[in-house]
Amino acid sequence: MVYILFEMFLGMSVIGARFFPTILLSSFLVLGRKPEWNPIGPKRYVWILGATFISICIVFFNPDIVALWINGLLGTSIPVDKNYVPF
């Protein structure tokens, strides 16, 4: 998920999109075809929406790691030994 999130953020930028492996592979697969230019606005909205969903999934699938990261970054004491989800 982190790889996909990183790729989405690089895909949103013009400079980063040229060097990412998936985008290079897709450019190689359509080599020789005339480019079809489409507006970037709707795609950027969907990329931001997807990046938000992926970020939420990373937090909810790895709560201990995220809590430890927040504790180290902010100096807080979020407990990682309690289960807050009811049975």
N, C-alpha and C. Protein backbone atom coordinates (compact mmCIF):
# COMPACT_ATOMS: atom_id res chain seq x y z
N MET A 1 0.81 -1.19 0.00
CA MET A 1 0.00 0.00 0.00
C MET A 1 0.86 1.26 0.00
N VAL A 2 1.99 1.20 0.67
CA VAL A 2 2.86 2.37 0.71
C VAL A 2 3.41 2.66 -0.69
N TYR A 3 3.74 1.60 -1.44
CA TYR A 3 4.23 1.77 -2.80
C TYR A 3 3.18 2.45 -3.68
N ILE A 4 1.94 2.00 -3.56
CA ILE A 4 0.86 2.59 -4.36
C ILE A 4 0.62 4.04 -3.96
N LEU A 5 0.67 4.31 -2.67
CA LEU A 5 0.49 5.68 -2.20
C LEU A 5 1.61 6.59 -2.73
N PHE A 6 2.84 6.10 -2.66
CA PHE A 6 3.97 6.87 -3.17
C PHE A 6 3.84 7.10 -4.68
N GLU A 7 3.39 6.08 -5.40
CA GLU A 7 3.21 6.22 -6.84
C GLU A 7 2.10 7.21 -7.17
N MET A 8 1.05 7.23 -6.37
CA MET A 8 -0.02 8.19 -6.63
C MET A 8 0.46 9.62 -6.42
N PHE A 9 1.24 9.84 -5.36
CA PHE A 9 1.76 11.19 -5.14
C PHE A 9 2.73 11.61 -6.25
N LEU A 10 3.57 10.68 -6.71
CA LEU A 10 4.46 11.03 -7.81
C LEU A 10 3.71 11.23 -9.12
N GLY A 11 2.63 10.47 -9.31
CA GLY A 11 1.83 10.63 -10.51
C GLY A 11 1.13 11.97 -10.59
N MET A 12 0.87 12.57 -9.44
CA MET A 12 0.21 13.87 -9.42
C MET A 12 1.16 15.00 -9.84
N SER A 13 2.46 14.77 -9.71
CA SER A 13 3.40 15.81 -10.11
C SER A 13 3.91 15.53 -11.53
N VAL A 14 4.21 16.57 -12.24
CA VAL A 14 4.66 16.43 -13.63
C VAL A 14 6.06 15.84 -13.68
N ILE A 15 6.94 16.29 -12.81
CA ILE A 15 8.33 15.82 -12.83
C ILE A 15 8.42 14.38 -12.33
N GLY A 16 7.73 14.06 -11.26
CA GLY A 16 7.80 12.72 -10.69
C GLY A 16 7.19 11.66 -11.57
N ALA A 17 6.20 12.03 -12.38
CA ALA A 17 5.51 11.05 -13.22
C ALA A 17 6.41 10.48 -14.31
N ARG A 18 7.46 11.17 -14.66
CA ARG A 18 8.33 10.70 -15.75
C ARG A 18 9.27 9.59 -15.33
N PHE A 19 9.52 9.44 -14.03
CA PHE A 19 10.56 8.53 -13.58
C PHE A 19 10.05 7.33 -12.79
N PHE A 20 8.76 7.19 -12.60
CA PHE A 20 8.28 6.09 -11.79
C PHE A 20 8.14 4.83 -12.65
N PRO A 21 8.50 3.66 -12.12
CA PRO A 21 8.56 2.45 -12.93
C PRO A 21 7.24 2.07 -13.61
N THR A 22 6.12 2.20 -12.94
CA THR A 22 4.85 1.83 -13.56
C THR A 22 4.51 2.75 -14.72
N ILE A 23 4.79 4.01 -14.58
CA ILE A 23 4.50 4.96 -15.64
C ILE A 23 5.47 4.75 -16.81
N LEU A 24 6.73 4.43 -16.51
CA LEU A 24 7.67 4.12 -17.58
C LEU A 24 7.24 2.87 -18.34
N LEU A 25 6.77 1.86 -17.63
CA LEU A 25 6.30 0.64 -18.27
C LEU A 25 5.09 0.91 -19.15
N SER A 26 4.15 1.68 -18.66
CA SER A 26 2.97 1.98 -19.48
C SER A 26 3.34 2.84 -20.69
N SER A 27 4.31 3.72 -20.55
CA SER A 27 4.77 4.51 -21.70
C SER A 27 5.43 3.62 -22.75
N PHE A 28 6.17 2.61 -22.29
CA PHE A 28 6.82 1.68 -23.21
C PHE A 28 5.78 0.83 -23.95
N LEU A 29 4.69 0.47 -23.27
CA LEU A 29 3.67 -0.38 -23.89
C LEU A 29 2.89 0.35 -24.99
N VAL A 30 2.79 1.66 -24.91
CA VAL A 30 2.06 2.41 -25.94
C VAL A 30 3.00 3.16 -26.87
N LEU A 31 4.23 2.71 -26.94
CA LEU A 31 5.23 3.35 -27.80
C LEU A 31 4.77 3.29 -29.26
N GLY A 32 4.82 4.39 -29.94
CA GLY A 32 4.42 4.45 -31.34
C GLY A 32 2.99 4.92 -31.55
N ARG A 33 2.20 5.00 -30.50
CA ARG A 33 0.84 5.49 -30.62
C ARG A 33 0.82 7.00 -30.42
N LYS A 34 -0.12 7.64 -31.07
CA LYS A 34 -0.28 9.07 -30.90
C LYS A 34 -0.88 9.34 -29.51
N PRO A 35 -0.31 10.28 -28.74
CA PRO A 35 -0.84 10.54 -27.40
C PRO A 35 -2.25 11.14 -27.45
N GLU A 36 -3.07 10.71 -26.50
CA GLU A 36 -4.41 11.26 -26.35
C GLU A 36 -4.42 12.10 -25.08
N TRP A 37 -4.49 13.41 -25.23
CA TRP A 37 -4.43 14.29 -24.08
C TRP A 37 -5.81 14.49 -23.51
N ASN A 38 -5.93 14.30 -22.22
CA ASN A 38 -7.19 14.48 -21.50
C ASN A 38 -6.97 15.49 -20.38
N PRO A 39 -8.06 16.11 -19.90
CA PRO A 39 -7.90 17.06 -18.79
C PRO A 39 -7.41 16.37 -17.52
N ILE A 40 -6.56 17.05 -16.77
CA ILE A 40 -5.95 16.47 -15.58
C ILE A 40 -6.82 16.65 -14.34
N GLY A 41 -7.76 17.58 -14.36
CA GLY A 41 -8.58 17.88 -13.19
C GLY A 41 -9.30 16.68 -12.60
N PRO A 42 -10.11 15.97 -13.38
CA PRO A 42 -10.81 14.81 -12.82
C PRO A 42 -9.86 13.72 -12.33
N LYS A 43 -8.76 13.52 -13.03
CA LYS A 43 -7.79 12.50 -12.62
C LYS A 43 -7.13 12.89 -11.29
N ARG A 44 -6.79 14.15 -11.16
CA ARG A 44 -6.16 14.60 -9.92
C ARG A 44 -7.11 14.44 -8.73
N TYR A 45 -8.40 14.69 -8.94
CA TYR A 45 -9.38 14.51 -7.89
C TYR A 45 -9.44 13.04 -7.45
N VAL A 46 -9.46 12.14 -8.41
CA VAL A 46 -9.51 10.71 -8.09
C VAL A 46 -8.21 10.26 -7.44
N TRP A 47 -7.06 10.79 -7.86
CA TRP A 47 -5.79 10.45 -7.22
C TRP A 47 -5.79 10.88 -5.75
N ILE A 48 -6.29 12.08 -5.47
CA ILE A 48 -6.35 12.55 -4.09
C ILE A 48 -7.31 11.70 -3.28
N LEU A 49 -8.44 11.34 -3.87
CA LEU A 49 -9.40 10.48 -3.19
C LEU A 49 -8.79 9.11 -2.90
N GLY A 50 -8.11 8.53 -3.88
CA GLY A 50 -7.45 7.25 -3.68
C GLY A 50 -6.34 7.32 -2.66
N ALA A 51 -5.56 8.38 -2.68
CA ALA A 51 -4.48 8.54 -1.70
C ALA A 51 -5.05 8.67 -0.29
N THR A 52 -6.19 9.32 -0.15
CA THR A 52 -6.84 9.42 1.15
C THR A 52 -7.29 8.05 1.64
N PHE A 53 -7.92 7.28 0.76
CA PHE A 53 -8.37 5.93 1.15
C PHE A 53 -7.20 5.02 1.50
N ILE A 54 -6.13 5.10 0.74
CA ILE A 54 -4.95 4.27 1.03
C ILE A 54 -4.33 4.68 2.36
N SER A 55 -4.27 5.98 2.64
CA SER A 55 -3.73 6.44 3.93
C SER A 55 -4.58 5.93 5.09
N ILE A 56 -5.90 5.96 4.93
CA ILE A 56 -6.78 5.45 5.98
C ILE A 56 -6.57 3.95 6.16
N CYS A 57 -6.42 3.21 5.07
CA CYS A 57 -6.18 1.77 5.17
C CYS A 57 -4.86 1.48 5.87
N ILE A 58 -3.83 2.24 5.58
CA ILE A 58 -2.53 2.03 6.23
C ILE A 58 -2.67 2.25 7.74
N VAL A 59 -3.42 3.28 8.13
CA VAL A 59 -3.60 3.55 9.56
C VAL A 59 -4.40 2.44 10.24
N PHE A 60 -5.49 2.00 9.62
CA PHE A 60 -6.34 1.01 10.27
C PHE A 60 -5.80 -0.41 10.19
N PHE A 61 -4.97 -0.73 9.21
CA PHE A 61 -4.40 -2.07 9.13
C PHE A 61 -3.13 -2.20 9.97
N ASN A 62 -2.50 -1.10 10.34
CA ASN A 62 -1.27 -1.11 11.13
C ASN A 62 -1.38 -0.13 12.30
N PRO A 63 -2.33 -0.31 13.22
CA PRO A 63 -2.52 0.70 14.26
C PRO A 63 -1.34 0.80 15.23
N ASP A 64 -0.70 -0.33 15.54
CA ASP A 64 0.43 -0.29 16.48
C ASP A 64 1.61 0.48 15.89
N ILE A 65 1.91 0.21 14.64
CA ILE A 65 3.04 0.89 13.98
C ILE A 65 2.77 2.38 13.87
N VAL A 66 1.54 2.74 13.49
CA VAL A 66 1.19 4.16 13.36
C VAL A 66 1.24 4.84 14.73
N ALA A 67 0.74 4.16 15.78
CA ALA A 67 0.77 4.75 17.13
C ALA A 67 2.21 4.93 17.60
N LEU A 68 3.07 3.95 17.36
CA LEU A 68 4.48 4.10 17.74
C LEU A 68 5.15 5.24 16.97
N TRP A 69 4.80 5.38 15.70
CA TRP A 69 5.37 6.46 14.88
C TRP A 69 4.91 7.82 15.41
N ILE A 70 3.61 7.93 15.75
CA ILE A 70 3.09 9.20 16.29
C ILE A 70 3.72 9.48 17.65
N ASN A 71 3.87 8.43 18.49
CA ASN A 71 4.51 8.63 19.79
C ASN A 71 5.94 9.13 19.64
N GLY A 72 6.68 8.57 18.71
CA GLY A 72 8.05 9.00 18.51
C GLY A 72 8.15 10.39 17.92
N LEU A 73 7.21 10.73 17.03
CA LEU A 73 7.25 12.03 16.36
C LEU A 73 6.79 13.17 17.27
N LEU A 74 5.70 12.95 17.99
CA LEU A 74 5.12 14.02 18.79
C LEU A 74 5.45 13.94 20.27
N GLY A 75 6.03 12.83 20.69
CA GLY A 75 6.35 12.67 22.10
C GLY A 75 5.14 12.36 22.96
N THR A 76 4.07 11.85 22.35
CA THR A 76 2.87 11.50 23.10
C THR A 76 2.99 10.08 23.63
N SER A 77 1.96 9.64 24.34
CA SER A 77 1.98 8.27 24.88
C SER A 77 0.68 7.55 24.53
N ILE A 78 0.46 7.34 23.24
CA ILE A 78 -0.70 6.57 22.80
C ILE A 78 -0.43 5.11 23.14
N PRO A 79 -1.30 4.47 23.94
CA PRO A 79 -1.04 3.08 24.33
C PRO A 79 -1.19 2.14 23.14
N VAL A 80 -0.29 1.19 23.02
CA VAL A 80 -0.34 0.22 21.93
C VAL A 80 -0.64 -1.18 22.44
N ASP A 81 -0.89 -1.32 23.74
CA ASP A 81 -1.14 -2.65 24.31
C ASP A 81 -2.61 -2.90 24.62
N LYS A 82 -3.52 -1.97 24.27
CA LYS A 82 -4.93 -2.13 24.54
C LYS A 82 -5.69 -2.29 23.23
N ASN A 83 -6.75 -3.08 23.27
CA ASN A 83 -7.60 -3.28 22.11
C ASN A 83 -8.83 -2.41 22.29
N TYR A 84 -9.02 -1.45 21.43
CA TYR A 84 -10.15 -0.53 21.54
C TYR A 84 -11.33 -0.96 20.68
N VAL A 85 -11.18 -2.03 19.93
CA VAL A 85 -12.26 -2.52 19.07
C VAL A 85 -13.08 -3.53 19.88
N PRO A 86 -14.41 -3.34 19.99
CA PRO A 86 -15.21 -4.29 20.75
C PRO A 86 -15.30 -5.63 20.03
N PHE A 87 -15.58 -6.66 20.79
CA PHE A 87 -15.66 -8.02 20.22
C PHE A 87 -16.85 -8.17 19.32
